[in-house]
Amino acid sequence: MLDVYSIKERLAHDGLASDLKTIKKALLIPEEATRLPNSFEYPNPRTGLMANPWPKKKKKAKKKGKKK
């Protein structure tokens, strides 16, 4: 944490205002959340996929003419 504050002070001294949270995210390793056995749910594989950029076009149904 001392490194984070020293970088913040140095940037402020040089005239570059920056957010403390940004510096923390850049320098500190995030703590891993504790998990209980058998309670972890894997993410859905479809959550990271983008929508199909070239979906197949649906064909329109033919109109039926009137019979005489």
N, C-alpha and C. Protein backbone atom coordinates (compact mmCIF):
# COMPACT_ATOMS: atom_id res chain seq x y z
N MET A 1 0.82 -1.20 0.00
CA MET A 1 0.00 0.00 0.00
C MET A 1 0.86 1.26 0.00
N LEU A 2 2.02 1.17 0.62
CA LEU A 2 2.90 2.33 0.66
C LEU A 2 3.35 2.72 -0.75
N ASP A 3 3.56 1.70 -1.61
CA ASP A 3 3.94 1.98 -2.99
C ASP A 3 2.82 2.73 -3.72
N VAL A 4 1.60 2.33 -3.45
CA VAL A 4 0.45 2.97 -4.10
C VAL A 4 0.37 4.44 -3.71
N TYR A 5 0.54 4.73 -2.43
CA TYR A 5 0.48 6.12 -1.97
C TYR A 5 1.66 6.93 -2.50
N SER A 6 2.85 6.31 -2.59
CA SER A 6 4.00 7.06 -3.10
C SER A 6 3.82 7.38 -4.59
N ILE A 7 3.26 6.46 -5.35
CA ILE A 7 2.99 6.73 -6.77
C ILE A 7 1.93 7.81 -6.91
N LYS A 8 0.91 7.76 -6.08
CA LYS A 8 -0.14 8.78 -6.11
C LYS A 8 0.44 10.17 -5.82
N GLU A 9 1.31 10.24 -4.81
CA GLU A 9 1.93 11.52 -4.47
C GLU A 9 2.85 12.02 -5.59
N ARG A 10 3.59 11.11 -6.20
CA ARG A 10 4.51 11.50 -7.28
C ARG A 10 3.74 12.01 -8.49
N LEU A 11 2.66 11.34 -8.84
CA LEU A 11 1.84 11.80 -9.97
C LEU A 11 1.20 13.15 -9.67
N ALA A 12 0.76 13.34 -8.43
CA ALA A 12 0.18 14.62 -8.05
C ALA A 12 1.24 15.73 -8.09
N HIS A 13 2.45 15.40 -7.71
CA HIS A 13 3.55 16.37 -7.74
C HIS A 13 3.86 16.78 -9.17
N ASP A 14 3.76 15.83 -10.10
CA ASP A 14 4.03 16.11 -11.52
C ASP A 14 2.85 16.75 -12.23
N GLY A 15 1.72 16.88 -11.56
CA GLY A 15 0.55 17.53 -12.14
C GLY A 15 -0.40 16.58 -12.84
N LEU A 16 -0.26 15.30 -12.59
CA LEU A 16 -1.15 14.30 -13.20
C LEU A 16 -2.04 13.72 -12.11
N ALA A 17 -3.24 14.22 -12.00
CA ALA A 17 -4.16 13.71 -11.01
C ALA A 17 -4.68 12.35 -11.46
N SER A 18 -4.66 11.38 -10.56
CA SER A 18 -5.18 10.05 -10.88
C SER A 18 -5.93 9.51 -9.69
N ASP A 19 -6.82 8.58 -9.97
CA ASP A 19 -7.67 8.00 -8.94
C ASP A 19 -6.89 6.92 -8.19
N LEU A 20 -7.07 6.85 -6.90
CA LEU A 20 -6.37 5.87 -6.07
C LEU A 20 -6.81 4.44 -6.40
N LYS A 21 -8.08 4.26 -6.74
CA LYS A 21 -8.58 2.93 -7.11
C LYS A 21 -7.89 2.40 -8.36
N THR A 22 -7.63 3.28 -9.31
CA THR A 22 -6.98 2.87 -10.55
C THR A 22 -5.57 2.39 -10.28
N ILE A 23 -4.85 3.09 -9.45
CA ILE A 23 -3.49 2.69 -9.11
C ILE A 23 -3.49 1.38 -8.34
N LYS A 24 -4.46 1.20 -7.44
CA LYS A 24 -4.56 -0.05 -6.69
C LYS A 24 -4.80 -1.23 -7.62
N LYS A 25 -5.72 -1.07 -8.57
CA LYS A 25 -6.02 -2.15 -9.51
C LYS A 25 -4.81 -2.51 -10.37
N ALA A 26 -4.00 -1.51 -10.69
CA ALA A 26 -2.84 -1.75 -11.54
C ALA A 26 -1.71 -2.46 -10.79
N LEU A 27 -1.56 -2.20 -9.52
CA LEU A 27 -0.40 -2.71 -8.79
C LEU A 27 -0.69 -3.90 -7.89
N LEU A 28 -1.83 -3.94 -7.24
CA LEU A 28 -2.10 -4.98 -6.26
C LEU A 28 -2.77 -6.19 -6.89
N ILE A 29 -2.42 -7.35 -6.39
CA ILE A 29 -3.04 -8.60 -6.86
C ILE A 29 -4.37 -8.76 -6.14
N PRO A 30 -5.45 -9.00 -6.87
CA PRO A 30 -6.75 -9.13 -6.20
C PRO A 30 -6.80 -10.40 -5.35
N GLU A 31 -7.49 -10.30 -4.23
CA GLU A 31 -7.63 -11.45 -3.36
C GLU A 31 -8.69 -12.38 -3.92
N GLU A 32 -8.39 -13.66 -3.87
CA GLU A 32 -9.33 -14.64 -4.39
C GLU A 32 -10.40 -14.93 -3.35
N ALA A 33 -11.62 -14.96 -3.79
CA ALA A 33 -12.73 -15.23 -2.88
C ALA A 33 -12.67 -16.67 -2.39
N THR A 34 -12.99 -16.88 -1.13
CA THR A 34 -12.98 -18.23 -0.59
C THR A 34 -14.23 -18.96 -1.06
N ARG A 35 -14.02 -20.21 -1.43
CA ARG A 35 -15.14 -21.02 -1.92
C ARG A 35 -15.31 -22.24 -1.03
N LEU A 36 -16.54 -22.56 -0.79
CA LEU A 36 -16.85 -23.77 -0.04
C LEU A 36 -16.94 -24.94 -1.02
N PRO A 37 -16.53 -26.13 -0.60
CA PRO A 37 -16.62 -27.28 -1.50
C PRO A 37 -18.07 -27.53 -1.93
N ASN A 38 -18.25 -27.90 -3.15
CA ASN A 38 -19.56 -28.23 -3.75
C ASN A 38 -20.50 -27.04 -3.84
N SER A 39 -20.00 -25.84 -3.67
CA SER A 39 -20.88 -24.67 -3.79
C SER A 39 -20.53 -23.82 -5.00
N PHE A 40 -19.45 -24.16 -5.69
CA PHE A 40 -19.03 -23.38 -6.84
C PHE A 40 -19.84 -23.76 -8.07
N GLU A 41 -20.38 -22.77 -8.76
CA GLU A 41 -21.12 -23.01 -9.99
C GLU A 41 -20.30 -22.50 -11.16
N TYR A 42 -20.09 -23.35 -12.13
CA TYR A 42 -19.35 -22.94 -13.30
C TYR A 42 -20.17 -21.97 -14.14
N PRO A 43 -19.53 -21.01 -14.80
CA PRO A 43 -20.29 -20.07 -15.62
C PRO A 43 -20.86 -20.75 -16.86
N ASN A 44 -21.94 -20.20 -17.36
CA ASN A 44 -22.57 -20.72 -18.55
C ASN A 44 -21.65 -20.46 -19.74
N PRO A 45 -21.37 -21.47 -20.59
CA PRO A 45 -20.47 -21.25 -21.72
C PRO A 45 -20.97 -20.22 -22.72
N ARG A 46 -22.27 -19.98 -22.77
CA ARG A 46 -22.81 -19.04 -23.75
C ARG A 46 -22.66 -17.58 -23.33
N THR A 47 -22.30 -17.31 -22.07
CA THR A 47 -22.23 -15.93 -21.61
C THR A 47 -21.13 -15.15 -22.30
N GLY A 48 -20.05 -15.79 -22.72
CA GLY A 48 -18.95 -15.08 -23.35
C GLY A 48 -19.06 -14.99 -24.85
N LEU A 49 -20.07 -15.60 -25.44
CA LEU A 49 -20.19 -15.61 -26.89
C LEU A 49 -20.94 -14.37 -27.38
N MET A 50 -20.53 -13.90 -28.56
CA MET A 50 -21.26 -12.79 -29.17
C MET A 50 -22.38 -13.35 -30.04
N ALA A 51 -23.32 -12.52 -30.39
CA ALA A 51 -24.44 -12.95 -31.24
C ALA A 51 -23.91 -13.28 -32.63
N ASN A 52 -24.59 -14.17 -33.30
CA ASN A 52 -24.19 -14.58 -34.64
C ASN A 52 -24.26 -13.38 -35.59
N PRO A 53 -23.12 -12.96 -36.18
CA PRO A 53 -23.16 -11.79 -37.06
C PRO A 53 -23.81 -12.08 -38.41
N TRP A 54 -23.88 -13.34 -38.82
CA TRP A 54 -24.50 -13.69 -40.10
C TRP A 54 -25.57 -14.75 -39.89
N PRO A 55 -26.68 -14.41 -39.27
CA PRO A 55 -27.72 -15.42 -39.06
C PRO A 55 -28.38 -15.77 -40.39
N LYS A 56 -28.89 -16.98 -40.47
CA LYS A 56 -29.58 -17.41 -41.68
C LYS A 56 -30.91 -16.68 -41.77
N LYS A 57 -31.22 -16.20 -42.96
CA LYS A 57 -32.47 -15.49 -43.16
C LYS A 57 -33.61 -16.49 -43.32
N LYS A 58 -34.72 -16.19 -42.67
CA LYS A 58 -35.88 -17.06 -42.77
C LYS A 58 -36.60 -16.77 -44.07
N LYS A 59 -37.02 -17.84 -44.74
CA LYS A 59 -37.75 -17.67 -45.99
C LYS A 59 -39.20 -17.32 -45.69
N LYS A 60 -39.75 -16.41 -46.49
CA LYS A 60 -41.14 -16.04 -46.31
C LYS A 60 -42.03 -17.11 -46.93
N ALA A 61 -43.17 -17.35 -46.31
CA ALA A 61 -44.12 -18.32 -46.82
C ALA A 61 -44.77 -17.78 -48.09
N LYS A 62 -45.00 -18.68 -49.05
CA LYS A 62 -45.62 -18.27 -50.32
C LYS A 62 -47.09 -17.98 -50.08
N LYS A 63 -47.57 -16.96 -50.74
CA LYS A 63 -49.00 -16.64 -50.64
C LYS A 63 -49.77 -17.55 -51.54
N LYS A 64 -50.88 -18.05 -51.05
CA LYS A 64 -51.72 -18.94 -51.83
C LYS A 64 -52.80 -18.10 -52.51
N GLY A 65 -53.01 -18.33 -53.78
CA GLY A 65 -54.03 -17.60 -54.52
C GLY A 65 -55.41 -18.18 -54.28
N LYS A 66 -56.44 -17.39 -54.57
CA LYS A 66 -57.81 -17.84 -54.40
C LYS A 66 -58.18 -18.77 -55.53
N LYS A 67 -58.89 -19.82 -55.23
CA LYS A 67 -59.33 -20.77 -56.25
C LYS A 67 -60.71 -20.34 -56.74
N LYS A 68 -60.93 -20.48 -58.01
CA LYS A 68 -62.22 -20.12 -58.60
C LYS A 68 -63.14 -21.29 -58.72
